[in-house]
Amino acid sequence: MSTDLEQFYEIFFEESSELLADMEACLLRLDVNSPDLEDLNAIFRAAHSIKGGAGTFGFTDMTEMTHMLETLLDRLRKGELAVRSEMVDAFLRAGDVIKAQLAGHRGEGEADPAIAAEVCEELKRLSDETQNPLVVETIVDANAKLDTATVEVDIVKAPEVAVDAPQSKDDSSKLTYCIEFSGTGMGDAAVENLFANLKRLGDLENLTPEDQKDHFKLRLATASSEEDVWETLAFVVDPANLKIEAETNSITETAGADENFSSDAGSVSGIFTRAC
């Protein structure tokens, strides 16, 4: 393993440890009776960032655990489920498992796969619940009130309105990102692994000239956010040597010539209006 790649691994380990500490702090101060949405969002972002980096390095045990965390957290922050103490306990246990998995990848121990499987199953059970208990109580109370009275309702047929067929998700929500980065110090395996993770986000096109072995130029069409793309790359690629730009439809449709990426000093990420 090259010195530069070792440095990227170390950055991932350090940042993941910090994210886990932040996540634990948010969980410990979370009031289950009146949860702060910002805390839920912060916990979700921490899990999401760890998952992105772990996927880049091929740490599938960590990606599986953080994915289960994300699924339940997403339902909580959308208000589909009510936060309960047992959920907070499950999140804390998951954090402990991820710490052990992280230590294992650093060569400092080994996580117990049986405990990891048990926590994943618990998170899945909680996230598979079909109703928010608060919503159920409201529905039951409303039904009880309806039983005590007869309600007459005049039904008026709404006028018919022509509605265009909705676009598919692939057509309407995908953006195309132009990605450019230096791969100096990255081995072939690291590059292939990074490409594989980008392909999981969408359709990846390699525009790198054959005579450029250490400088990559890619085009990625994906429904994922720029943040997702950035996190997938930033754990491996030095942010100082990384540029991500988003195409706009108007330019994409009319521009036929290849344009160079912006070379403004200090620009490492952002959404611009220039095509690849």
Protein backbone atom coordinates (compact mmCIF):
# COMPACT_ATOMS: atom_id res chain seq x y z
CA MET A 1 0.00 0.00 0.00
CA SER A 2 1.41 3.41 -0.98
CA THR A 3 2.07 6.13 1.57
CA ASP A 4 -0.62 8.36 0.02
CA LEU A 5 -3.24 5.61 0.17
CA GLU A 6 -2.32 4.88 3.77
CA GLN A 7 -2.94 8.55 4.48
CA PHE A 8 -6.44 8.33 2.96
CA TYR A 9 -7.24 5.33 5.13
CA GLU A 10 -6.03 7.21 8.20
CA ILE A 11 -8.18 10.22 7.30
CA PHE A 12 -11.20 7.93 7.03
CA PHE A 13 -10.45 6.30 10.40
CA GLU A 14 -10.04 9.65 12.16
CA GLU A 15 -13.09 11.27 10.60
CA SER A 16 -15.25 8.23 11.29
CA SER A 17 -14.17 8.24 14.95
CA GLU A 18 -15.13 11.91 15.22
CA LEU A 19 -18.50 11.28 13.53
CA LEU A 20 -19.22 8.41 15.91
CA ALA A 21 -18.42 10.64 18.90
CA ASP A 22 -20.75 13.35 17.54
CA MET A 23 -23.49 10.79 16.92
CA GLU A 24 -23.21 9.44 20.47
CA ALA A 25 -23.35 12.96 21.94
CA CYS A 26 -26.54 13.71 19.99
CA LEU A 27 -28.13 10.44 21.08
CA LEU A 28 -27.33 10.99 24.76
CA ARG A 29 -28.96 14.42 24.79
CA LEU A 30 -31.95 13.42 22.66
CA ASP A 31 -35.28 13.91 24.43
CA VAL A 32 -37.51 11.04 23.29
CA ASN A 33 -40.62 12.97 24.37
CA SER A 34 -39.67 16.00 22.31
CA PRO A 35 -36.86 15.07 19.90
CA ASP A 36 -34.96 17.87 18.19
CA LEU A 37 -35.14 17.44 14.41
CA GLU A 38 -31.68 18.95 14.07
CA ASP A 39 -30.26 16.23 16.31
CA LEU A 40 -31.98 13.54 14.24
CA ASN A 41 -30.61 15.10 11.06
CA ALA A 42 -27.11 15.31 12.55
CA ILE A 43 -27.20 11.63 13.56
CA PHE A 44 -28.43 10.69 10.08
CA ARG A 45 -25.68 12.72 8.39
CA ALA A 46 -23.01 11.10 10.58
CA ALA A 47 -24.21 7.60 9.67
CA HIS A 48 -24.49 8.58 6.01
CA SER A 49 -20.95 9.96 5.89
CA ILE A 50 -19.47 6.88 7.54
CA LYS A 51 -21.37 4.65 5.11
CA GLY A 52 -20.03 6.58 2.13
CA GLY A 53 -16.42 6.29 3.25
CA ALA A 54 -16.75 2.66 4.29
CA GLY A 55 -18.23 1.80 0.90
CA THR A 56 -15.35 3.50 -0.87
CA PHE A 57 -12.84 1.34 0.99
CA GLY A 58 -14.90 -1.83 0.68
CA PHE A 59 -15.72 -2.16 4.39
CA THR A 60 -19.02 -3.97 3.81
CA ASP A 61 -19.62 -4.74 7.49
CA MET A 62 -19.72 -1.02 8.27
CA THR A 63 -21.85 -0.15 5.23
CA GLU A 64 -24.44 -2.76 6.26
CA MET A 65 -24.70 -1.41 9.81
CA THR A 66 -24.83 2.26 8.78
CA HIS A 67 -27.43 1.44 6.13
CA MET A 68 -29.70 -0.04 8.80
CA LEU A 69 -29.13 3.07 10.93
CA GLU A 70 -30.00 5.34 7.99
CA THR A 71 -33.23 3.48 7.23
CA LEU A 72 -34.64 3.87 10.73
CA LEU A 73 -33.32 7.42 11.18
CA ASP A 74 -34.89 8.49 7.90
CA ARG A 75 -38.33 7.31 9.06
CA LEU A 76 -37.88 9.13 12.37
CA ARG A 77 -36.89 12.45 10.87
CA LYS A 78 -39.78 12.23 8.39
CA GLY A 79 -42.18 11.73 11.29
CA GLU A 80 -43.27 8.29 10.10
CA LEU A 81 -42.33 6.77 13.47
CA ALA A 82 -42.13 8.20 16.98
CA VAL A 83 -38.77 8.18 18.76
CA ARG A 84 -38.68 5.69 21.63
CA SER A 85 -36.09 4.82 24.25
CA GLU A 86 -35.50 1.38 22.76
CA MET A 87 -34.59 3.03 19.45
CA VAL A 88 -32.02 5.25 21.14
CA ASP A 89 -30.59 2.18 22.88
CA ALA A 90 -30.36 0.38 19.52
CA PHE A 91 -28.58 3.37 17.97
CA LEU A 92 -26.04 3.44 20.81
CA ARG A 93 -25.43 -0.30 20.44
CA ALA A 94 -24.97 0.18 16.70
CA GLY A 95 -22.44 2.92 17.39
CA ASP A 96 -20.48 0.54 19.62
CA VAL A 97 -20.50 -2.11 16.90
CA ILE A 98 -19.27 0.38 14.29
CA LYS A 99 -16.46 1.43 16.64
CA ALA A 100 -15.42 -2.21 16.96
CA GLN A 101 -15.62 -2.69 13.19
CA LEU A 102 -13.53 0.43 12.67
CA ALA A 103 -10.92 -0.83 15.12
CA GLY A 104 -10.88 -4.14 13.28
CA HIS A 105 -10.09 -2.45 9.98
CA ARG A 106 -7.28 -0.58 11.71
CA GLY A 107 -5.86 -3.88 12.92
CA GLU A 108 -6.72 -3.14 16.53
CA GLY A 109 -9.14 -5.95 17.29
CA GLU A 110 -12.15 -7.62 15.76
CA ALA A 111 -15.87 -6.95 15.96
CA ASP A 112 -18.16 -9.81 17.03
CA PRO A 113 -20.22 -10.68 13.92
CA ALA A 114 -22.95 -12.25 16.08
CA ILE A 115 -23.49 -8.99 17.98
CA ALA A 116 -23.44 -7.03 14.71
CA ALA A 117 -26.09 -9.32 13.22
CA GLU A 118 -28.21 -9.00 16.36
CA VAL A 119 -28.09 -5.19 16.28
CA CYS A 120 -28.87 -5.12 12.53
CA GLU A 121 -31.90 -7.33 13.14
CA GLU A 122 -33.09 -5.07 15.95
CA LEU A 123 -32.75 -1.96 13.77
CA LYS A 124 -34.61 -3.70 10.96
CA ARG A 125 -37.42 -4.74 13.30
CA LEU A 126 -37.81 -1.17 14.53
CA SER A 127 -37.67 0.37 11.05
CA ASP A 128 -40.21 -2.12 9.67
CA GLU A 129 -42.93 -0.92 12.04
CA THR A 130 -45.91 0.16 9.99
CA GLN A 131 -47.46 2.93 12.06
CA ASN A 132 -46.39 5.77 14.24
CA PRO A 133 -47.96 4.93 17.68
CA LEU A 134 -49.06 8.56 18.01
CA VAL A 135 -50.83 8.34 14.66
CA VAL A 136 -52.55 5.11 15.72
CA GLU A 137 -53.88 6.77 18.90
CA THR A 138 -55.20 9.70 16.89
CA ILE A 139 -56.94 7.41 14.42
CA VAL A 140 -58.53 5.33 17.20
CA ASP A 141 -59.71 8.46 18.99
CA ALA A 142 -61.18 9.88 15.78
CA ASN A 143 -62.99 6.63 15.00
CA ALA A 144 -64.47 6.55 18.52
CA LYS A 145 -65.90 10.03 18.04
CA LEU A 146 -67.35 9.14 14.67
CA ASP A 147 -69.23 6.21 16.20
CA THR A 148 -71.27 8.61 18.36
CA ALA A 149 -72.76 10.65 15.55
CA THR A 150 -74.12 10.29 12.04
CA VAL A 151 -72.51 12.54 9.48
CA GLU A 152 -74.16 13.40 6.18
CA VAL A 153 -71.89 14.46 3.36
CA ASP A 154 -72.85 15.75 -0.08
CA ILE A 155 -70.46 14.30 -2.62
CA VAL A 156 -69.74 16.55 -5.59
CA LYS A 157 -67.92 15.10 -8.53
CA ALA A 158 -64.80 17.09 -9.26
CA PRO A 159 -64.33 18.34 -12.81
CA GLU A 160 -62.05 16.17 -14.90
CA VAL A 161 -58.64 17.71 -15.48
CA ALA A 162 -56.16 16.45 -17.99
CA VAL A 163 -52.93 15.54 -16.27
CA ASP A 164 -49.69 14.81 -18.05
CA ALA A 165 -48.16 11.45 -17.25
CA PRO A 166 -45.44 11.88 -14.65
CA GLN A 167 -41.88 11.43 -15.73
CA SER A 168 -40.03 8.41 -14.45
CA LYS A 169 -37.54 8.93 -11.67
CA ASP A 170 -34.72 8.20 -14.07
CA ASP A 171 -35.84 11.01 -16.38
CA SER A 172 -36.80 13.67 -13.86
CA SER A 173 -34.46 13.39 -10.91
CA LYS A 174 -31.08 12.51 -12.39
CA LEU A 175 -28.33 15.08 -12.60
CA THR A 176 -25.11 14.74 -14.51
CA TYR A 177 -21.89 15.59 -12.68
CA CYS A 178 -18.50 16.23 -14.25
CA ILE A 179 -15.81 14.89 -11.94
CA GLU A 180 -12.09 15.56 -12.18
CA PHE A 181 -9.45 14.42 -9.72
CA SER A 182 -5.80 13.48 -9.36
CA GLY A 183 -5.13 9.82 -8.67
CA THR A 184 -1.46 10.26 -7.82
CA GLY A 185 -0.44 7.64 -5.28
CA MET A 186 -3.59 5.53 -5.78
CA GLY A 187 -3.07 1.94 -6.79
CA ASP A 188 -5.11 0.23 -9.51
CA ALA A 189 -7.19 -1.62 -6.90
CA ALA A 190 -8.11 1.63 -5.12
CA VAL A 191 -9.12 3.27 -8.40
CA GLU A 192 -11.21 0.27 -9.45
CA ASN A 193 -12.91 0.19 -6.05
CA LEU A 194 -13.70 3.91 -6.28
CA PHE A 195 -15.15 3.47 -9.78
CA ALA A 196 -17.27 0.55 -8.54
CA ASN A 197 -18.73 2.73 -5.76
CA LEU A 198 -19.49 5.55 -8.20
CA LYS A 199 -21.25 3.07 -10.49
CA ARG A 200 -23.51 2.16 -7.58
CA LEU A 201 -24.70 5.78 -7.60
CA GLY A 202 -25.63 5.83 -11.29
CA ASP A 203 -24.29 5.68 -14.84
CA LEU A 204 -20.55 6.34 -14.92
CA GLU A 205 -18.62 7.33 -18.06
CA ASN A 206 -14.82 7.48 -18.04
CA LEU A 207 -13.65 10.43 -20.16
CA THR A 208 -10.00 10.15 -19.13
CA PRO A 209 -7.61 10.36 -22.13
CA GLU A 210 -5.53 7.23 -22.59
CA ASP A 211 -2.27 9.15 -22.10
CA GLN A 212 -3.36 10.41 -18.64
CA LYS A 213 -2.83 7.73 -16.01
CA ASP A 214 -2.94 9.85 -12.86
CA HIS A 215 -5.56 12.46 -13.74
CA PHE A 216 -9.13 11.27 -14.14
CA LYS A 217 -12.11 12.88 -15.82
CA LEU A 218 -15.53 11.27 -15.38
CA ARG A 219 -19.19 11.95 -16.08
CA LEU A 220 -21.76 10.55 -13.63
CA ALA A 221 -25.54 10.58 -14.20
CA THR A 222 -27.24 9.92 -10.87
CA ALA A 223 -30.30 10.62 -8.75
CA SER A 224 -27.99 10.97 -5.74
CA SER A 225 -27.18 14.39 -4.36
CA GLU A 226 -23.90 16.21 -4.93
CA GLU A 227 -23.19 15.60 -1.23
CA ASP A 228 -23.44 11.82 -1.79
CA VAL A 229 -21.08 12.02 -4.76
CA TRP A 230 -18.68 14.24 -2.84
CA GLU A 231 -18.59 11.93 0.19
CA THR A 232 -17.96 8.88 -1.97
CA LEU A 233 -14.90 10.57 -3.46
CA ALA A 234 -13.57 12.65 -0.59
CA PHE A 235 -12.56 9.75 1.64
CA VAL A 236 -10.14 8.55 -1.05
CA VAL A 237 -9.30 11.59 -3.15
CA ASP A 238 -7.52 14.60 -1.69
CA PRO A 239 -10.21 17.35 -1.68
CA ALA A 240 -7.58 19.84 -2.87
CA ASN A 241 -7.32 17.82 -6.10
CA LEU A 242 -11.04 17.17 -6.58
CA LYS A 243 -13.60 19.08 -8.64
CA ILE A 244 -17.28 18.25 -9.05
CA GLU A 245 -19.46 20.30 -11.39
CA ALA A 246 -23.09 19.77 -12.36
CA GLU A 247 -24.30 20.06 -15.91
CA THR A 248 -27.45 22.04 -16.68
CA ASN A 249 -30.01 20.74 -19.16
CA SER A 250 -29.92 23.89 -21.27
CA ILE A 251 -26.19 23.74 -21.77
CA THR A 252 -26.16 19.97 -22.17
CA GLU A 253 -28.66 20.22 -25.01
CA THR A 254 -26.82 22.91 -26.95
CA ALA A 255 -23.17 22.49 -26.15
CA GLY A 256 -21.32 20.25 -28.56
CA ALA A 257 -17.75 21.22 -27.84
CA ASP A 258 -15.77 19.86 -24.91
CA GLU A 259 -15.03 22.57 -22.36
CA ASN A 260 -12.35 22.58 -19.71
CA PHE A 261 -13.15 22.45 -16.01
CA SER A 262 -12.94 25.65 -14.02
CA SER A 263 -9.39 26.19 -12.77
CA ASP A 264 -10.12 28.79 -10.13
CA ALA A 265 -7.60 28.44 -7.31
CA GLY A 266 -8.99 26.92 -4.15
CA SER A 267 -12.14 25.56 -5.80
CA VAL A 268 -12.64 21.99 -4.69
CA SER A 269 -16.39 21.44 -4.87
CA GLY A 270 -19.56 23.15 -5.99
CA ILE A 271 -22.39 23.20 -8.46
CA PHE A 272 -21.65 25.17 -11.61
CA THR A 273 -23.44 25.59 -14.93
CA ARG A 274 -20.76 24.31 -17.26
CA ALA A 275 -21.00 21.09 -19.22
CA CYS A 276 -18.16 18.56 -19.38
